[in-house]
Structures are given as structure tokens and as C-alpha cells.
Amino acid sequence: MALKSWRELPIGGVILESGSSVDYLTGGWRAERPIIDMDRCTSCMICWIFCPEGGILVEESKVTGIDMDHCKGCGICALECPPKVIKMVQEVTALEGEQGR
């Protein structure tokens, strides 16, 4: 996909075609990331309903994880989770933990 110059972009950053958010990987600019305790998750789907980016992964009506390519780290999922099994951790801390594995 060729990038458009600033002159070719619509004024005001208007998104002209629906469903285009899948094309843009926005997870790289989050400061915090959600971590789900999958052993305690009830798959109530409240996090999925409230996630503005569709970042909650679901298979066969069960929450299976987070799409880190699209999660912006807003924390809405953790705030709305009824059993409080989603916690937000600093992105730097999470990345350090991944490197130690």
C-alpha cells in the first residue's frame, strides 16, 4: 500500500471507508497493556463489547486473549471487567518480562 502525501489526505483526518482500522497497526504507541488472568476469566464478553478497537480476541464465544497489534492500552477493558481479571501493566515492564522468558 503506497502512502499518500499530505496533500492527498482528506481534511480533518476523515476516514472515508469503513472497516479500515484493521489495516492500521496502532498497538505500538500504547503506554500500558492489558493482561488477562485466563484462569479466572468468565468470558462474560463485557471487555469485548466495550473495547473501542476490537482488540479482544474471541473464539467459540470465549475470550482467548488480546490483539496487541491493535490494542492502544486505553484500559476500558480492565475498567469494565466485572470479575476484575484484567489488569493494566506498564508496556516497558511487560516487554522486559517477555525478554526474560
N, C-alpha and C. Protein backbone atom coordinates (compact mmCIF):
# COMPACT_ATOMS: atom_id res chain seq x y z
N MET A 1 0.85 -1.17 0.00
CA MET A 1 0.00 0.00 0.00
C MET A 1 0.90 1.23 0.00
N ALA A 2 0.75 2.07 -1.00
CA ALA A 2 1.54 3.28 -1.10
C ALA A 2 0.99 4.35 -0.16
N LEU A 3 1.89 5.04 0.52
CA LEU A 3 1.47 6.11 1.43
C LEU A 3 1.09 7.35 0.64
N LYS A 4 0.05 8.03 1.10
CA LYS A 4 -0.40 9.25 0.45
C LYS A 4 0.40 10.43 1.00
N SER A 5 0.56 11.42 0.15
CA SER A 5 1.20 12.65 0.62
C SER A 5 0.19 13.44 1.43
N TRP A 6 0.64 14.45 2.16
CA TRP A 6 -0.26 15.25 2.98
C TRP A 6 -1.32 15.95 2.15
N ARG A 7 -1.00 16.22 0.88
CA ARG A 7 -1.97 16.89 0.00
C ARG A 7 -3.09 15.96 -0.45
N GLU A 8 -2.86 14.66 -0.39
CA GLU A 8 -3.86 13.69 -0.83
C GLU A 8 -4.79 13.25 0.30
N LEU A 9 -4.45 13.58 1.55
CA LEU A 9 -5.26 13.17 2.69
C LEU A 9 -6.48 14.07 2.83
N PRO A 10 -7.63 13.51 3.26
CA PRO A 10 -8.82 14.33 3.46
C PRO A 10 -8.63 15.30 4.62
N ILE A 11 -9.20 16.47 4.51
CA ILE A 11 -9.09 17.49 5.55
C ILE A 11 -9.77 16.98 6.83
N GLY A 12 -9.11 17.16 7.95
CA GLY A 12 -9.66 16.76 9.24
C GLY A 12 -9.44 15.30 9.58
N GLY A 13 -8.68 14.57 8.80
CA GLY A 13 -8.40 13.17 9.11
C GLY A 13 -9.63 12.28 9.02
N VAL A 14 -10.53 12.57 8.10
CA VAL A 14 -11.77 11.81 7.94
C VAL A 14 -11.43 10.44 7.37
N ILE A 15 -12.06 9.40 7.94
CA ILE A 15 -11.90 8.04 7.41
C ILE A 15 -13.04 7.81 6.43
N LEU A 16 -12.69 7.61 5.18
CA LEU A 16 -13.70 7.53 4.13
C LEU A 16 -14.26 6.14 3.91
N GLU A 17 -13.48 5.09 4.25
CA GLU A 17 -14.02 3.75 4.06
C GLU A 17 -14.14 3.03 5.39
N SER A 18 -15.23 2.30 5.57
CA SER A 18 -15.47 1.60 6.83
C SER A 18 -14.59 0.35 6.91
N GLY A 19 -14.33 -0.07 8.13
CA GLY A 19 -13.55 -1.28 8.35
C GLY A 19 -12.07 -1.13 8.09
N SER A 20 -11.59 0.09 7.90
CA SER A 20 -10.19 0.29 7.55
C SER A 20 -9.26 0.22 8.75
N SER A 21 -9.79 0.20 9.98
CA SER A 21 -8.92 0.18 11.15
C SER A 21 -8.08 -1.09 11.22
N VAL A 22 -8.53 -2.16 10.59
CA VAL A 22 -7.77 -3.40 10.56
C VAL A 22 -6.44 -3.20 9.83
N ASP A 23 -6.40 -2.26 8.90
CA ASP A 23 -5.20 -2.01 8.12
C ASP A 23 -4.12 -1.26 8.89
N TYR A 24 -4.47 -0.66 10.02
CA TYR A 24 -3.52 0.18 10.75
C TYR A 24 -3.17 -0.44 12.09
N LEU A 25 -1.92 -0.82 12.24
CA LEU A 25 -1.44 -1.42 13.48
C LEU A 25 -1.10 -0.30 14.45
N THR A 26 -1.95 -0.12 15.44
CA THR A 26 -1.82 1.02 16.35
C THR A 26 -1.31 0.62 17.73
N GLY A 27 -1.01 -0.65 17.94
CA GLY A 27 -0.58 -1.11 19.26
C GLY A 27 0.80 -0.62 19.66
N GLY A 28 1.56 -0.11 18.74
CA GLY A 28 2.92 0.31 19.03
C GLY A 28 3.03 1.59 19.85
N TRP A 29 1.94 2.31 20.05
CA TRP A 29 2.04 3.55 20.80
C TRP A 29 1.32 3.52 22.14
N ARG A 30 1.06 2.33 22.66
CA ARG A 30 0.42 2.26 23.98
C ARG A 30 1.48 2.37 25.09
N ALA A 31 1.07 2.92 26.22
CA ALA A 31 1.95 3.02 27.38
C ALA A 31 1.68 1.90 28.38
N GLU A 32 0.45 1.37 28.35
CA GLU A 32 0.09 0.25 29.21
C GLU A 32 -0.58 -0.83 28.37
N ARG A 33 -0.47 -2.06 28.84
CA ARG A 33 -1.12 -3.16 28.14
C ARG A 33 -1.97 -3.97 29.10
N PRO A 34 -3.10 -4.50 28.60
CA PRO A 34 -3.94 -5.33 29.45
C PRO A 34 -3.39 -6.75 29.55
N ILE A 35 -3.44 -7.30 30.74
CA ILE A 35 -3.07 -8.69 30.98
C ILE A 35 -4.29 -9.37 31.59
N ILE A 36 -4.72 -10.46 30.97
CA ILE A 36 -5.91 -11.18 31.44
C ILE A 36 -5.48 -12.42 32.22
N ASP A 37 -6.04 -12.60 33.40
CA ASP A 37 -5.86 -13.84 34.17
C ASP A 37 -6.86 -14.84 33.59
N MET A 38 -6.41 -15.62 32.63
CA MET A 38 -7.30 -16.53 31.89
C MET A 38 -7.90 -17.61 32.79
N ASP A 39 -7.24 -17.94 33.90
CA ASP A 39 -7.78 -18.94 34.82
C ASP A 39 -9.04 -18.44 35.53
N ARG A 40 -9.15 -17.12 35.69
CA ARG A 40 -10.29 -16.54 36.38
C ARG A 40 -11.31 -15.89 35.44
N CYS A 41 -10.96 -15.74 34.16
CA CYS A 41 -11.86 -15.10 33.19
C CYS A 41 -13.12 -15.95 33.00
N THR A 42 -14.28 -15.30 33.07
CA THR A 42 -15.57 -15.99 32.89
C THR A 42 -16.09 -15.89 31.46
N SER A 43 -15.36 -15.23 30.59
CA SER A 43 -15.79 -15.00 29.20
C SER A 43 -17.17 -14.36 29.14
N CYS A 44 -17.40 -13.39 30.00
CA CYS A 44 -18.69 -12.68 30.00
C CYS A 44 -18.83 -11.76 28.79
N MET A 45 -17.71 -11.47 28.13
CA MET A 45 -17.66 -10.68 26.90
C MET A 45 -17.87 -9.18 27.10
N ILE A 46 -17.91 -8.71 28.34
CA ILE A 46 -18.08 -7.28 28.58
C ILE A 46 -16.87 -6.52 28.03
N CYS A 47 -15.68 -7.06 28.19
CA CYS A 47 -14.47 -6.40 27.65
C CYS A 47 -14.57 -6.29 26.14
N TRP A 48 -15.05 -7.32 25.49
CA TRP A 48 -15.19 -7.33 24.04
C TRP A 48 -16.20 -6.28 23.58
N ILE A 49 -17.30 -6.14 24.33
CA ILE A 49 -18.33 -5.17 23.98
C ILE A 49 -17.77 -3.74 24.07
N PHE A 50 -17.01 -3.46 25.12
CA PHE A 50 -16.56 -2.09 25.37
C PHE A 50 -15.26 -1.72 24.65
N CYS A 51 -14.49 -2.68 24.18
CA CYS A 51 -13.21 -2.37 23.52
C CYS A 51 -13.46 -1.56 22.24
N PRO A 52 -12.93 -0.32 22.18
CA PRO A 52 -13.18 0.51 21.00
C PRO A 52 -12.41 0.08 19.77
N GLU A 53 -11.42 -0.79 19.93
CA GLU A 53 -10.59 -1.19 18.79
C GLU A 53 -10.80 -2.63 18.35
N GLY A 54 -11.68 -3.36 18.98
CA GLY A 54 -11.85 -4.77 18.63
C GLY A 54 -10.61 -5.58 18.99
N GLY A 55 -9.95 -5.19 20.06
CA GLY A 55 -8.69 -5.82 20.45
C GLY A 55 -8.82 -7.07 21.29
N ILE A 56 -10.05 -7.44 21.66
CA ILE A 56 -10.26 -8.64 22.46
C ILE A 56 -10.45 -9.81 21.50
N LEU A 57 -9.61 -10.82 21.63
CA LEU A 57 -9.70 -12.00 20.77
C LEU A 57 -10.70 -12.98 21.35
N VAL A 58 -11.58 -13.49 20.49
CA VAL A 58 -12.63 -14.41 20.91
C VAL A 58 -12.69 -15.57 19.93
N GLU A 59 -12.81 -16.78 20.48
CA GLU A 59 -13.03 -17.97 19.67
C GLU A 59 -14.10 -18.80 20.33
N GLU A 60 -15.10 -19.21 19.57
CA GLU A 60 -16.20 -20.03 20.07
C GLU A 60 -16.82 -19.44 21.34
N SER A 61 -17.10 -18.13 21.32
CA SER A 61 -17.73 -17.39 22.41
C SER A 61 -16.91 -17.37 23.70
N LYS A 62 -15.60 -17.54 23.58
CA LYS A 62 -14.72 -17.46 24.75
C LYS A 62 -13.60 -16.47 24.46
N VAL A 63 -13.29 -15.64 25.45
CA VAL A 63 -12.17 -14.70 25.34
C VAL A 63 -10.89 -15.52 25.35
N THR A 64 -10.02 -15.28 24.34
CA THR A 64 -8.78 -16.05 24.24
C THR A 64 -7.53 -15.18 24.40
N GLY A 65 -7.69 -13.87 24.41
CA GLY A 65 -6.53 -13.00 24.58
C GLY A 65 -6.76 -11.61 24.05
N ILE A 66 -5.64 -10.91 23.83
CA ILE A 66 -5.66 -9.52 23.36
C ILE A 66 -4.89 -9.44 22.05
N ASP A 67 -5.43 -8.72 21.09
CA ASP A 67 -4.74 -8.43 19.83
C ASP A 67 -3.82 -7.24 20.08
N MET A 68 -2.56 -7.50 20.38
CA MET A 68 -1.61 -6.45 20.73
C MET A 68 -1.26 -5.55 19.55
N ASP A 69 -1.54 -5.99 18.32
CA ASP A 69 -1.30 -5.13 17.16
C ASP A 69 -2.28 -3.96 17.11
N HIS A 70 -3.47 -4.13 17.69
CA HIS A 70 -4.48 -3.09 17.63
C HIS A 70 -4.82 -2.46 18.98
N CYS A 71 -4.46 -3.11 20.09
CA CYS A 71 -4.75 -2.57 21.42
C CYS A 71 -3.94 -1.30 21.65
N LYS A 72 -4.64 -0.23 22.03
CA LYS A 72 -3.99 1.05 22.28
C LYS A 72 -3.71 1.28 23.76
N GLY A 73 -4.10 0.34 24.61
CA GLY A 73 -3.82 0.46 26.03
C GLY A 73 -4.71 1.44 26.77
N CYS A 74 -5.93 1.63 26.30
CA CYS A 74 -6.83 2.62 26.92
C CYS A 74 -7.31 2.18 28.30
N GLY A 75 -7.36 0.88 28.56
CA GLY A 75 -7.77 0.38 29.87
C GLY A 75 -9.26 0.23 30.07
N ILE A 76 -10.06 0.48 29.05
CA ILE A 76 -11.50 0.33 29.18
C ILE A 76 -11.86 -1.11 29.53
N CYS A 77 -11.18 -2.07 28.93
CA CYS A 77 -11.47 -3.47 29.20
C CYS A 77 -11.28 -3.78 30.69
N ALA A 78 -10.19 -3.31 31.27
CA ALA A 78 -9.91 -3.55 32.69
C ALA A 78 -10.93 -2.84 33.58
N LEU A 79 -11.31 -1.64 33.19
CA LEU A 79 -12.28 -0.88 33.98
C LEU A 79 -13.66 -1.54 33.98
N GLU A 80 -14.07 -2.08 32.86
CA GLU A 80 -15.41 -2.65 32.71
C GLU A 80 -15.51 -4.13 33.08
N CYS A 81 -14.40 -4.80 33.27
CA CYS A 81 -14.40 -6.25 33.56
C CYS A 81 -15.07 -6.52 34.91
N PRO A 82 -16.25 -7.20 34.93
CA PRO A 82 -16.94 -7.44 36.20
C PRO A 82 -16.13 -8.24 37.22
N PRO A 83 -15.46 -9.34 36.83
CA PRO A 83 -14.70 -10.08 37.84
C PRO A 83 -13.30 -9.49 38.09
N LYS A 84 -12.97 -8.38 37.42
CA LYS A 84 -11.69 -7.69 37.61
C LYS A 84 -10.48 -8.61 37.38
N VAL A 85 -10.51 -9.35 36.27
CA VAL A 85 -9.41 -10.26 35.94
C VAL A 85 -8.45 -9.66 34.91
N ILE A 86 -8.73 -8.44 34.47
CA ILE A 86 -7.84 -7.75 33.54
C ILE A 86 -7.14 -6.64 34.31
N LYS A 87 -5.82 -6.64 34.26
CA LYS A 87 -5.08 -5.55 34.90
C LYS A 87 -4.19 -4.90 33.86
N MET A 88 -3.96 -3.62 34.04
CA MET A 88 -3.11 -2.86 33.13
C MET A 88 -1.71 -2.80 33.74
N VAL A 89 -0.71 -3.11 32.91
CA VAL A 89 0.68 -3.04 33.35
C VAL A 89 1.44 -2.13 32.39
N GLN A 90 2.49 -1.51 32.87
CA GLN A 90 3.31 -0.65 32.03
C GLN A 90 3.86 -1.47 30.86
N GLU A 91 3.81 -0.93 29.67
CA GLU A 91 4.30 -1.62 28.47
C GLU A 91 5.76 -2.01 28.62
N VAL A 92 6.57 -1.12 29.18
CA VAL A 92 8.00 -1.40 29.35
C VAL A 92 8.20 -2.61 30.25
N THR A 93 7.44 -2.68 31.33
CA THR A 93 7.53 -3.80 32.26
C THR A 93 7.13 -5.10 31.57
N ALA A 94 6.06 -5.07 30.79
CA ALA A 94 5.59 -6.26 30.07
C ALA A 94 6.64 -6.72 29.06
N LEU A 95 7.24 -5.80 28.34
CA LEU A 95 8.27 -6.16 27.36
C LEU A 95 9.51 -6.74 28.03
N GLU A 96 9.89 -6.20 29.18
CA GLU A 96 11.03 -6.75 29.92
C GLU A 96 10.74 -8.17 30.36
N GLY A 97 9.51 -8.44 30.79
CA GLY A 97 9.10 -9.78 31.19
C GLY A 97 9.14 -10.77 30.04
N GLU A 98 8.77 -10.31 28.83
CA GLU A 98 8.80 -11.17 27.65
C GLU A 98 10.23 -11.53 27.25
N GLN A 99 11.13 -10.57 27.40
CA GLN A 99 12.52 -10.81 27.03
C GLN A 99 13.20 -11.77 27.98
N GLY A 100 12.73 -11.83 29.23
CA GLY A 100 13.32 -12.72 30.23
C GLY A 100 12.91 -14.16 30.08
N ARG A 101 11.94 -14.45 29.20
CA ARG A 101 11.47 -15.83 29.02
C ARG A 101 12.39 -16.62 28.16
